[in-house]
N, C-alpha and C. Protein backbone atom coordinates (compact mmCIF):
# COMPACT_ATOMS: atom_id res chain seq x y z
N UNK A 1 103.05 -29.15 76.35
CA UNK A 1 101.78 -29.17 75.65
C UNK A 1 100.76 -28.37 76.46
N UNK A 2 100.04 -27.50 75.77
CA UNK A 2 99.05 -26.66 76.42
C UNK A 2 97.65 -27.02 75.95
N UNK A 3 96.68 -26.75 76.83
CA UNK A 3 95.28 -26.89 76.45
C UNK A 3 94.71 -25.47 76.37
N UNK A 4 94.17 -25.14 75.19
CA UNK A 4 93.78 -23.76 74.88
C UNK A 4 92.29 -23.71 74.53
N UNK A 5 91.61 -22.69 75.04
CA UNK A 5 90.23 -22.43 74.64
C UNK A 5 90.23 -21.33 73.59
N UNK A 6 89.69 -21.65 72.42
CA UNK A 6 89.60 -20.70 71.32
C UNK A 6 88.16 -20.20 71.26
N UNK A 7 87.98 -18.89 71.37
CA UNK A 7 86.64 -18.30 71.41
C UNK A 7 86.51 -17.33 70.25
N UNK A 8 85.69 -17.72 69.26
CA UNK A 8 85.48 -16.88 68.08
C UNK A 8 84.20 -17.35 67.41
N UNK A 9 83.45 -16.42 66.84
CA UNK A 9 82.21 -16.80 66.17
C UNK A 9 82.43 -17.28 64.74
N UNK A 10 83.65 -17.25 64.25
CA UNK A 10 83.96 -17.72 62.90
C UNK A 10 84.55 -19.14 62.98
N UNK A 11 83.75 -20.16 62.60
CA UNK A 11 84.23 -21.55 62.71
C UNK A 11 85.51 -21.82 61.93
N UNK A 12 85.66 -21.21 60.75
CA UNK A 12 86.86 -21.46 59.95
C UNK A 12 88.12 -20.96 60.66
N UNK A 13 88.02 -19.80 61.29
CA UNK A 13 89.17 -19.27 62.00
C UNK A 13 89.48 -20.11 63.24
N UNK A 14 88.43 -20.52 63.97
CA UNK A 14 88.65 -21.40 65.13
C UNK A 14 89.37 -22.67 64.70
N UNK A 15 88.93 -23.25 63.58
CA UNK A 15 89.56 -24.49 63.09
C UNK A 15 91.01 -24.25 62.67
N UNK A 16 91.28 -23.12 62.02
CA UNK A 16 92.65 -22.80 61.61
C UNK A 16 93.56 -22.68 62.83
N UNK A 17 93.09 -21.98 63.84
CA UNK A 17 93.89 -21.81 65.06
C UNK A 17 94.08 -23.17 65.74
N UNK A 18 93.01 -23.96 65.80
CA UNK A 18 93.11 -25.29 66.43
C UNK A 18 94.14 -26.16 65.70
N UNK A 19 94.12 -26.13 64.37
CA UNK A 19 95.08 -26.93 63.59
C UNK A 19 96.51 -26.42 63.78
N UNK A 20 96.66 -25.09 63.85
CA UNK A 20 97.98 -24.51 64.09
C UNK A 20 98.52 -24.95 65.44
N UNK A 21 97.68 -24.93 66.45
CA UNK A 21 98.09 -25.37 67.79
C UNK A 21 98.39 -26.87 67.81
N UNK A 22 97.52 -27.64 67.15
CA UNK A 22 97.69 -29.09 67.09
C UNK A 22 99.03 -29.47 66.44
N UNK A 23 99.41 -28.76 65.39
CA UNK A 23 100.68 -29.04 64.71
C UNK A 23 101.88 -28.84 65.65
N UNK A 24 101.70 -28.02 66.68
CA UNK A 24 102.77 -27.78 67.66
C UNK A 24 102.61 -28.66 68.90
N UNK A 25 101.65 -29.58 68.86
CA UNK A 25 101.47 -30.53 69.95
C UNK A 25 100.50 -30.10 71.04
N UNK A 26 99.74 -29.05 70.79
CA UNK A 26 98.80 -28.56 71.80
C UNK A 26 97.39 -29.08 71.52
N UNK A 27 96.56 -29.01 72.55
CA UNK A 27 95.14 -29.40 72.41
C UNK A 27 94.29 -28.14 72.54
N UNK A 28 93.08 -28.22 72.00
CA UNK A 28 92.22 -27.04 72.11
C UNK A 28 90.75 -27.45 72.19
N UNK A 29 89.97 -26.55 72.76
CA UNK A 29 88.51 -26.60 72.73
C UNK A 29 88.07 -25.32 72.04
N UNK A 30 86.84 -25.36 71.55
CA UNK A 30 86.33 -24.18 70.84
C UNK A 30 84.99 -23.76 71.41
N UNK A 31 84.76 -22.44 71.39
CA UNK A 31 83.47 -21.87 71.79
C UNK A 31 83.13 -20.75 70.81
N UNK A 32 81.86 -20.66 70.38
CA UNK A 32 81.47 -19.65 69.39
C UNK A 32 81.20 -18.26 69.97
N UNK A 33 81.14 -18.15 71.31
CA UNK A 33 80.86 -16.85 71.93
C UNK A 33 81.27 -16.88 73.40
N UNK A 34 81.18 -15.72 74.01
CA UNK A 34 81.61 -15.58 75.40
C UNK A 34 80.78 -16.39 76.38
N UNK A 35 79.47 -16.50 76.15
CA UNK A 35 78.63 -17.27 77.06
C UNK A 35 79.01 -18.74 77.07
N UNK A 36 79.22 -19.30 75.89
CA UNK A 36 79.64 -20.71 75.80
C UNK A 36 81.03 -20.90 76.41
N UNK A 37 81.89 -19.91 76.21
CA UNK A 37 83.24 -19.98 76.78
C UNK A 37 83.17 -20.05 78.31
N UNK A 38 82.31 -19.23 78.93
CA UNK A 38 82.19 -19.25 80.38
C UNK A 38 81.71 -20.61 80.88
N UNK A 39 80.81 -21.25 80.13
CA UNK A 39 80.35 -22.60 80.51
C UNK A 39 81.52 -23.58 80.48
N UNK A 40 82.35 -23.49 79.46
CA UNK A 40 83.50 -24.39 79.34
C UNK A 40 84.54 -24.11 80.42
N UNK A 41 84.76 -22.86 80.69
CA UNK A 41 85.73 -22.48 81.72
C UNK A 41 85.30 -23.02 83.09
N UNK A 42 84.00 -23.07 83.33
CA UNK A 42 83.49 -23.56 84.61
C UNK A 42 83.71 -25.06 84.79
N UNK A 43 83.88 -25.79 83.69
CA UNK A 43 83.99 -27.26 83.79
C UNK A 43 85.32 -27.82 83.33
N UNK A 44 86.15 -27.01 82.71
CA UNK A 44 87.42 -27.49 82.15
C UNK A 44 88.59 -26.65 82.67
N UNK A 45 89.77 -27.25 82.65
CA UNK A 45 91.01 -26.54 82.98
C UNK A 45 91.71 -26.18 81.67
N UNK A 46 92.15 -24.95 81.57
CA UNK A 46 92.87 -24.49 80.38
C UNK A 46 94.18 -23.83 80.79
N UNK A 47 95.09 -23.77 79.84
CA UNK A 47 96.36 -23.10 80.06
C UNK A 47 96.38 -21.71 79.45
N UNK A 48 95.47 -21.44 78.50
CA UNK A 48 95.42 -20.13 77.83
C UNK A 48 94.09 -19.99 77.11
N UNK A 49 93.78 -18.74 76.78
CA UNK A 49 92.58 -18.42 76.02
C UNK A 49 92.97 -17.57 74.82
N UNK A 50 92.35 -17.87 73.68
CA UNK A 50 92.46 -17.05 72.47
C UNK A 50 91.05 -16.53 72.22
N UNK A 51 90.86 -15.22 72.24
CA UNK A 51 89.51 -14.66 72.26
C UNK A 51 89.35 -13.56 71.22
N UNK A 52 88.31 -13.69 70.39
CA UNK A 52 87.94 -12.65 69.45
C UNK A 52 87.21 -11.54 70.21
N UNK A 53 87.24 -10.33 69.71
CA UNK A 53 86.56 -9.22 70.37
C UNK A 53 85.08 -9.19 70.00
N UNK A 54 84.78 -9.16 68.69
CA UNK A 54 83.40 -8.98 68.25
C UNK A 54 82.74 -10.35 68.06
N UNK A 55 81.77 -10.65 68.95
CA UNK A 55 81.03 -11.91 68.90
C UNK A 55 79.61 -11.65 69.37
N UNK A 56 78.68 -12.51 68.97
CA UNK A 56 77.31 -12.37 69.48
C UNK A 56 77.23 -12.79 70.95
N UNK A 57 76.19 -12.38 71.61
CA UNK A 57 75.86 -12.71 73.00
C UNK A 57 76.79 -12.05 74.01
N UNK A 58 78.09 -12.21 73.87
CA UNK A 58 79.04 -11.57 74.78
C UNK A 58 80.34 -11.33 74.03
N UNK A 59 80.77 -10.06 74.00
CA UNK A 59 82.01 -9.77 73.28
C UNK A 59 83.23 -10.24 74.07
N UNK A 60 84.37 -10.27 73.39
CA UNK A 60 85.58 -10.81 73.98
C UNK A 60 86.12 -10.03 75.16
N UNK A 61 85.98 -8.71 75.14
CA UNK A 61 86.48 -7.91 76.26
C UNK A 61 85.63 -8.11 77.50
N UNK A 62 84.33 -8.27 77.32
CA UNK A 62 83.46 -8.58 78.46
C UNK A 62 83.82 -9.95 79.03
N UNK A 63 84.05 -10.91 78.14
CA UNK A 63 84.48 -12.24 78.58
C UNK A 63 85.79 -12.13 79.36
N UNK A 64 86.75 -11.40 78.83
CA UNK A 64 88.04 -11.25 79.50
C UNK A 64 87.86 -10.65 80.90
N UNK A 65 87.05 -9.62 81.01
CA UNK A 65 86.81 -8.99 82.32
C UNK A 65 86.17 -9.98 83.29
N UNK A 66 85.22 -10.79 82.81
CA UNK A 66 84.59 -11.79 83.66
C UNK A 66 85.60 -12.86 84.11
N UNK A 67 86.46 -13.27 83.20
CA UNK A 67 87.49 -14.26 83.52
C UNK A 67 88.41 -13.70 84.61
N UNK A 68 88.82 -12.45 84.47
CA UNK A 68 89.69 -11.83 85.46
C UNK A 68 88.97 -11.67 86.81
N UNK A 69 87.66 -11.37 86.77
CA UNK A 69 86.88 -11.26 88.01
C UNK A 69 86.79 -12.61 88.72
N UNK A 70 86.87 -13.70 87.95
CA UNK A 70 86.83 -15.05 88.52
C UNK A 70 88.19 -15.44 89.09
N UNK A 71 89.14 -14.52 89.06
CA UNK A 71 90.51 -14.74 89.55
C UNK A 71 91.25 -15.81 88.76
N UNK A 72 90.91 -15.93 87.49
CA UNK A 72 91.62 -16.85 86.60
C UNK A 72 92.75 -16.05 85.97
N UNK A 73 93.96 -16.43 86.31
CA UNK A 73 95.13 -15.67 85.88
C UNK A 73 95.91 -16.42 84.81
N UNK A 74 95.21 -16.76 83.73
CA UNK A 74 95.85 -17.44 82.61
C UNK A 74 96.10 -16.45 81.49
N UNK A 75 97.06 -16.73 80.63
CA UNK A 75 97.32 -15.81 79.52
C UNK A 75 96.16 -15.78 78.52
N UNK A 76 95.86 -14.58 78.07
CA UNK A 76 94.77 -14.36 77.12
C UNK A 76 95.30 -13.55 75.94
N UNK A 77 95.09 -14.09 74.74
CA UNK A 77 95.42 -13.36 73.52
C UNK A 77 94.09 -12.89 72.91
N UNK A 78 93.98 -11.60 72.71
CA UNK A 78 92.80 -11.01 72.09
C UNK A 78 93.09 -10.84 70.60
N UNK A 79 92.08 -11.13 69.76
CA UNK A 79 92.25 -10.94 68.32
C UNK A 79 91.02 -10.23 67.76
N UNK A 80 91.26 -9.40 66.76
CA UNK A 80 90.15 -8.72 66.10
C UNK A 80 90.61 -8.17 64.75
N UNK A 81 89.64 -7.95 63.89
CA UNK A 81 89.90 -7.33 62.60
C UNK A 81 89.62 -5.85 62.63
N UNK A 82 89.25 -5.31 63.79
CA UNK A 82 88.91 -3.89 63.92
C UNK A 82 89.97 -3.18 64.73
N UNK A 83 90.31 -1.97 64.32
CA UNK A 83 91.27 -1.19 65.11
C UNK A 83 90.54 -0.33 66.14
N UNK A 84 89.29 0.01 65.84
CA UNK A 84 88.50 0.82 66.77
C UNK A 84 87.03 0.42 66.61
N UNK A 85 86.34 0.34 67.73
CA UNK A 85 84.90 0.04 67.72
C UNK A 85 84.15 1.23 68.29
N UNK A 86 82.97 1.48 67.79
CA UNK A 86 82.24 2.69 68.15
C UNK A 86 81.94 2.79 69.65
N UNK A 87 81.73 1.67 70.32
CA UNK A 87 81.38 1.72 71.74
C UNK A 87 82.61 1.79 72.66
N UNK A 88 83.80 1.83 72.09
CA UNK A 88 85.03 1.90 72.89
C UNK A 88 85.64 3.29 72.84
N UNK A 89 86.15 3.74 73.97
CA UNK A 89 86.78 5.05 74.05
C UNK A 89 88.18 5.03 73.44
N UNK A 90 88.87 3.91 73.54
CA UNK A 90 90.25 3.77 73.09
C UNK A 90 90.32 2.78 71.94
N UNK A 91 91.45 2.73 71.23
CA UNK A 91 91.63 1.68 70.22
C UNK A 91 91.50 0.30 70.88
N UNK A 92 91.11 -0.69 70.08
CA UNK A 92 90.83 -2.03 70.60
C UNK A 92 92.01 -2.62 71.35
N UNK A 93 93.23 -2.46 70.80
CA UNK A 93 94.38 -3.05 71.47
C UNK A 93 94.60 -2.46 72.86
N UNK A 94 94.40 -1.16 73.00
CA UNK A 94 94.55 -0.51 74.32
C UNK A 94 93.46 -0.98 75.28
N UNK A 95 92.24 -1.09 74.79
CA UNK A 95 91.14 -1.59 75.62
C UNK A 95 91.42 -3.03 76.06
N UNK A 96 91.95 -3.84 75.16
CA UNK A 96 92.24 -5.24 75.48
C UNK A 96 93.30 -5.36 76.57
N UNK A 97 94.36 -4.60 76.45
CA UNK A 97 95.43 -4.64 77.45
C UNK A 97 94.90 -4.11 78.78
N UNK A 98 94.12 -3.06 78.75
CA UNK A 98 93.53 -2.50 79.96
C UNK A 98 92.60 -3.52 80.64
N UNK A 99 91.93 -4.33 79.85
CA UNK A 99 91.01 -5.34 80.40
C UNK A 99 91.76 -6.56 80.95
N UNK A 100 93.06 -6.66 80.67
CA UNK A 100 93.83 -7.77 81.22
C UNK A 100 94.39 -8.74 80.22
N UNK A 101 94.35 -8.40 78.93
CA UNK A 101 94.92 -9.29 77.91
C UNK A 101 96.44 -9.31 78.01
N UNK A 102 97.02 -10.45 77.70
CA UNK A 102 98.48 -10.57 77.70
C UNK A 102 99.06 -10.23 76.34
N UNK A 103 98.27 -10.44 75.29
CA UNK A 103 98.74 -10.14 73.94
C UNK A 103 97.54 -9.80 73.07
N UNK A 104 97.83 -9.20 71.94
CA UNK A 104 96.80 -8.76 71.00
C UNK A 104 97.31 -9.05 69.60
N UNK A 105 96.46 -9.62 68.77
CA UNK A 105 96.85 -9.90 67.39
C UNK A 105 95.73 -9.42 66.46
N UNK A 106 96.11 -8.75 65.39
CA UNK A 106 95.15 -8.21 64.43
C UNK A 106 94.87 -9.23 63.33
N UNK A 107 93.60 -9.35 62.97
CA UNK A 107 93.21 -10.19 61.85
C UNK A 107 93.34 -9.36 60.57
N UNK A 108 93.67 -9.93 59.48
CA UNK A 108 94.07 -11.33 59.30
C UNK A 108 95.52 -11.53 59.73
N UNK A 109 95.83 -12.75 60.15
CA UNK A 109 97.20 -13.10 60.53
C UNK A 109 97.53 -14.45 59.94
N UNK A 110 98.81 -14.71 59.78
CA UNK A 110 99.25 -16.00 59.23
C UNK A 110 99.39 -17.00 60.37
N UNK A 111 99.29 -18.29 60.07
CA UNK A 111 99.52 -19.29 61.11
C UNK A 111 100.89 -19.14 61.78
N UNK A 112 101.91 -18.77 61.02
CA UNK A 112 103.25 -18.63 61.63
C UNK A 112 103.30 -17.42 62.57
N UNK A 113 102.64 -16.32 62.19
CA UNK A 113 102.59 -15.16 63.07
C UNK A 113 101.85 -15.51 64.35
N UNK A 114 100.70 -16.19 64.20
CA UNK A 114 99.94 -16.59 65.37
C UNK A 114 100.77 -17.50 66.27
N UNK A 115 101.41 -18.49 65.68
CA UNK A 115 102.20 -19.45 66.45
C UNK A 115 103.32 -18.76 67.20
N UNK A 116 104.02 -17.84 66.55
CA UNK A 116 105.12 -17.12 67.21
C UNK A 116 104.60 -16.29 68.38
N UNK A 117 103.50 -15.59 68.18
CA UNK A 117 102.93 -14.75 69.25
C UNK A 117 102.43 -15.61 70.40
N UNK A 118 101.78 -16.72 70.07
CA UNK A 118 101.25 -17.62 71.10
C UNK A 118 102.40 -18.18 71.95
N UNK A 119 103.44 -18.68 71.29
CA UNK A 119 104.55 -19.28 72.04
C UNK A 119 105.32 -18.25 72.87
N UNK A 120 105.42 -17.03 72.37
CA UNK A 120 106.05 -15.97 73.16
C UNK A 120 105.21 -15.68 74.41
N UNK A 121 103.89 -15.61 74.23
CA UNK A 121 102.99 -15.36 75.36
C UNK A 121 103.12 -16.46 76.41
N UNK A 122 103.20 -17.72 75.94
CA UNK A 122 103.29 -18.84 76.88
C UNK A 122 104.66 -18.90 77.56
N UNK A 123 105.72 -18.54 76.84
CA UNK A 123 107.05 -18.50 77.44
C UNK A 123 107.10 -17.45 78.55
N UNK A 124 106.48 -16.31 78.29
CA UNK A 124 106.40 -15.26 79.30
C UNK A 124 105.63 -15.77 80.52
N UNK A 125 104.55 -16.48 80.28
CA UNK A 125 103.75 -17.04 81.38
C UNK A 125 104.59 -18.02 82.21
N UNK A 126 105.37 -18.85 81.54
CA UNK A 126 106.22 -19.82 82.25
C UNK A 126 107.22 -19.10 83.15
N UNK A 127 107.82 -18.03 82.64
CA UNK A 127 108.78 -17.26 83.44
C UNK A 127 108.07 -16.65 84.65
N UNK A 128 106.89 -16.10 84.43
CA UNK A 128 106.13 -15.51 85.54
C UNK A 128 105.79 -16.56 86.59
N UNK A 129 105.40 -17.75 86.16
CA UNK A 129 105.08 -18.82 87.11
C UNK A 129 106.32 -19.25 87.89
N UNK A 130 107.47 -19.31 87.23
CA UNK A 130 108.71 -19.65 87.93
C UNK A 130 109.07 -18.58 88.95
N UNK A 131 108.92 -17.33 88.56
CA UNK A 131 109.20 -16.23 89.49
C UNK A 131 108.27 -16.28 90.70
N UNK A 132 107.00 -16.56 90.45
CA UNK A 132 106.02 -16.65 91.53
C UNK A 132 106.37 -17.81 92.47
N UNK A 133 106.78 -18.95 91.91
CA UNK A 133 107.17 -20.09 92.74
C UNK A 133 108.40 -19.75 93.59
N UNK A 134 109.37 -19.05 92.99
CA UNK A 134 110.57 -18.66 93.75
C UNK A 134 110.20 -17.67 94.86
N UNK A 135 109.31 -16.75 94.56
CA UNK A 135 108.86 -15.78 95.56
C UNK A 135 108.18 -16.50 96.72
N UNK A 136 107.35 -17.48 96.42
CA UNK A 136 106.68 -18.25 97.47
C UNK A 136 107.70 -19.03 98.31
N UNK A 137 108.72 -19.57 97.66
CA UNK A 137 109.77 -20.29 98.39
C UNK A 137 110.54 -19.34 99.30
N UNK A 138 110.85 -18.15 98.82
CA UNK A 138 111.54 -17.15 99.64
C UNK A 138 110.67 -16.78 100.85
N UNK A 139 109.37 -16.57 100.61
CA UNK A 139 108.47 -16.22 101.70
C UNK A 139 108.37 -17.36 102.72
N UNK A 140 108.34 -18.61 102.23
CA UNK A 140 108.26 -19.76 103.13
C UNK A 140 109.52 -19.84 103.99
N UNK A 141 110.68 -19.72 103.34
CA UNK A 141 111.94 -19.79 104.08
C UNK A 141 112.09 -18.63 105.06
N UNK A 142 111.67 -17.45 104.65
CA UNK A 142 111.72 -16.29 105.54
C UNK A 142 110.86 -16.51 106.77
N UNK A 143 109.66 -17.05 106.56
CA UNK A 143 108.77 -17.33 107.68
C UNK A 143 109.38 -18.35 108.63
N UNK A 144 110.02 -19.38 108.07
CA UNK A 144 110.68 -20.39 108.91
C UNK A 144 111.81 -19.77 109.71
N UNK A 145 112.61 -18.91 109.07
CA UNK A 145 113.72 -18.27 109.75
C UNK A 145 113.22 -17.35 110.86
N UNK A 146 112.19 -16.59 110.58
CA UNK A 146 111.62 -15.68 111.58
C UNK A 146 111.08 -16.49 112.76
N UNK A 147 110.40 -17.59 112.48
CA UNK A 147 109.88 -18.44 113.55
C UNK A 147 111.00 -19.00 114.41
N UNK A 148 112.10 -19.42 113.77
CA UNK A 148 113.24 -19.96 114.52
C UNK A 148 113.88 -18.88 115.39
N UNK A 149 114.01 -17.67 114.86
CA UNK A 149 114.59 -16.57 115.63
C UNK A 149 113.68 -16.22 116.80
N UNK A 150 112.37 -16.19 116.57
CA UNK A 150 111.43 -15.89 117.65
C UNK A 150 111.51 -16.96 118.74
N UNK A 151 111.59 -18.20 118.34
CA UNK A 151 111.68 -19.29 119.31
C UNK A 151 112.96 -19.16 120.13
N UNK A 152 114.08 -18.92 119.46
CA UNK A 152 115.37 -18.76 120.14
C UNK A 152 115.33 -17.57 121.10
N UNK A 153 114.70 -16.48 120.67
CA UNK A 153 114.60 -15.29 121.52
C UNK A 153 113.76 -15.58 122.76
N UNK A 154 112.64 -16.27 122.57
CA UNK A 154 111.78 -16.61 123.72
C UNK A 154 112.52 -17.53 124.69
N UNK A 155 113.26 -18.49 124.14
CA UNK A 155 114.04 -19.38 125.01
C UNK A 155 115.08 -18.59 125.79
N UNK A 156 115.72 -17.64 125.15
CA UNK A 156 116.73 -16.80 125.81
C UNK A 156 116.09 -15.95 126.90
N UNK A 157 114.93 -15.41 126.62
CA UNK A 157 114.20 -14.61 127.62
C UNK A 157 113.86 -15.47 128.83
N UNK A 158 113.40 -16.69 128.59
CA UNK A 158 113.07 -17.61 129.69
C UNK A 158 114.31 -17.92 130.52
N UNK A 159 115.47 -18.11 129.85
CA UNK A 159 116.72 -18.35 130.57
C UNK A 159 117.06 -17.17 131.48
N UNK A 160 116.91 -15.97 130.94
CA UNK A 160 117.23 -14.76 131.71
C UNK A 160 116.28 -14.63 132.90
N UNK A 161 114.99 -14.85 132.67
CA UNK A 161 114.01 -14.79 133.76
C UNK A 161 114.35 -15.80 134.84
N UNK A 162 114.66 -17.01 134.42
CA UNK A 162 115.00 -18.08 135.35
C UNK A 162 116.25 -17.70 136.15
N UNK A 163 117.24 -17.13 135.47
CA UNK A 163 118.47 -16.70 136.14
C UNK A 163 118.22 -15.61 137.17
N UNK A 164 117.34 -14.67 136.86
CA UNK A 164 117.00 -13.61 137.80
C UNK A 164 116.29 -14.18 139.02
N UNK A 165 115.42 -15.15 138.81
CA UNK A 165 114.68 -15.76 139.91
C UNK A 165 115.63 -16.54 140.82
N UNK A 166 116.68 -17.13 140.25
CA UNK A 166 117.63 -17.91 141.04
C UNK A 166 118.77 -17.05 141.55
N UNK A 167 118.82 -15.79 141.14
CA UNK A 167 119.85 -14.89 141.62
C UNK A 167 121.07 -14.77 140.74
N UNK A 168 121.11 -15.46 139.64
CA UNK A 168 122.26 -15.32 138.73
C UNK A 168 121.76 -15.22 137.31
N UNK A 169 122.47 -14.46 136.52
CA UNK A 169 122.10 -14.28 135.11
C UNK A 169 123.05 -15.11 134.27
N UNK A 170 122.54 -15.98 133.39
CA UNK A 170 123.42 -16.77 132.54
C UNK A 170 124.27 -15.88 131.64
N UNK A 171 125.51 -16.33 131.40
CA UNK A 171 126.39 -15.58 130.50
C UNK A 171 125.81 -15.57 129.10
N UNK A 172 125.96 -14.43 128.46
CA UNK A 172 125.54 -14.32 127.06
C UNK A 172 126.64 -14.89 126.19
N UNK A 173 126.29 -15.82 125.36
CA UNK A 173 127.25 -16.41 124.43
C UNK A 173 127.12 -15.69 123.09
N UNK A 174 128.22 -15.10 122.60
CA UNK A 174 128.11 -14.40 121.30
C UNK A 174 127.74 -15.38 120.19
N UNK A 175 126.85 -14.95 119.32
CA UNK A 175 126.37 -15.80 118.23
C UNK A 175 127.22 -15.67 116.98
N UNK A 176 128.00 -14.61 116.88
CA UNK A 176 128.84 -14.48 115.70
C UNK A 176 130.03 -13.60 116.00
N UNK A 177 130.91 -13.48 115.07
CA UNK A 177 132.13 -12.71 115.26
C UNK A 177 131.85 -11.23 115.44
N UNK A 178 130.77 -10.73 114.84
CA UNK A 178 130.45 -9.31 114.99
C UNK A 178 130.24 -8.95 116.44
N UNK A 179 129.58 -9.82 117.23
CA UNK A 179 129.38 -9.57 118.65
C UNK A 179 130.71 -9.45 119.36
N UNK A 180 131.65 -10.34 119.06
CA UNK A 180 132.97 -10.33 119.70
C UNK A 180 133.76 -9.10 119.28
N UNK A 181 133.72 -8.75 118.01
CA UNK A 181 134.47 -7.60 117.51
C UNK A 181 134.00 -6.31 118.14
N UNK A 182 132.71 -6.20 118.38
CA UNK A 182 132.15 -4.96 118.90
C UNK A 182 132.06 -4.98 120.42
N UNK A 183 132.62 -5.99 121.06
CA UNK A 183 132.61 -6.05 122.51
C UNK A 183 131.25 -6.29 123.09
N UNK A 184 130.38 -6.95 122.36
CA UNK A 184 129.02 -7.20 122.83
C UNK A 184 128.93 -8.58 123.47
N UNK A 185 129.74 -8.81 124.46
CA UNK A 185 129.73 -10.12 125.10
C UNK A 185 128.90 -10.12 126.35
C-alpha cells in the first residue's frame, strides 16, 4: 500500500485519481497547486507524487524541480493535457523527464491506463530500492573485509618488526594454495 500526493487544480480529476488508487488499496492526499503541495511535503511522508503541469501559483515542473532540490527521491508521474507549452523549449514530456519525472501520462486517460502506469512506476521504484539496498550491503561488507585485511597486515608488520628487534624473523605462513604453488613461502 502506498501513500500518494495528488497535485492538480482540477478537483474532479484529483478525486478520480484518489478513487482509482483507493480501489487498489492505496491512500492519497490532495493539493490544488504546487505551493500547497510543498506545505504537505514538508509535514507528511509520501511514497509517490502525481503532478499536473499547468496549475496556478506554481506549475508542476517547478514543483518537481523543487522536490528534487530537496533531495526527495520518490517517483513522480507528470500529467498534462498539453503536448507543448509556449514557455517551454521542448515538448512537455521531454521537459518533465529532464526535470526528474519518472513517468508521464497525457490527459485524458482512463482509470485503467493510469493504474497500469502507476503500478509500473512503483514496481520500478521497488526494484531500484532493492538494488540500492544490495549495493549498500556490498559496500558495507567490502569495508569490513578491507578493515580486516588492514588489521591483519598491521599485525603482520608488527610481528616482523618485533622479529627484527629480537634478531629473528618469523616464518611466513602461506595463506592459500596460490602462495604454495608459486613458491611464495
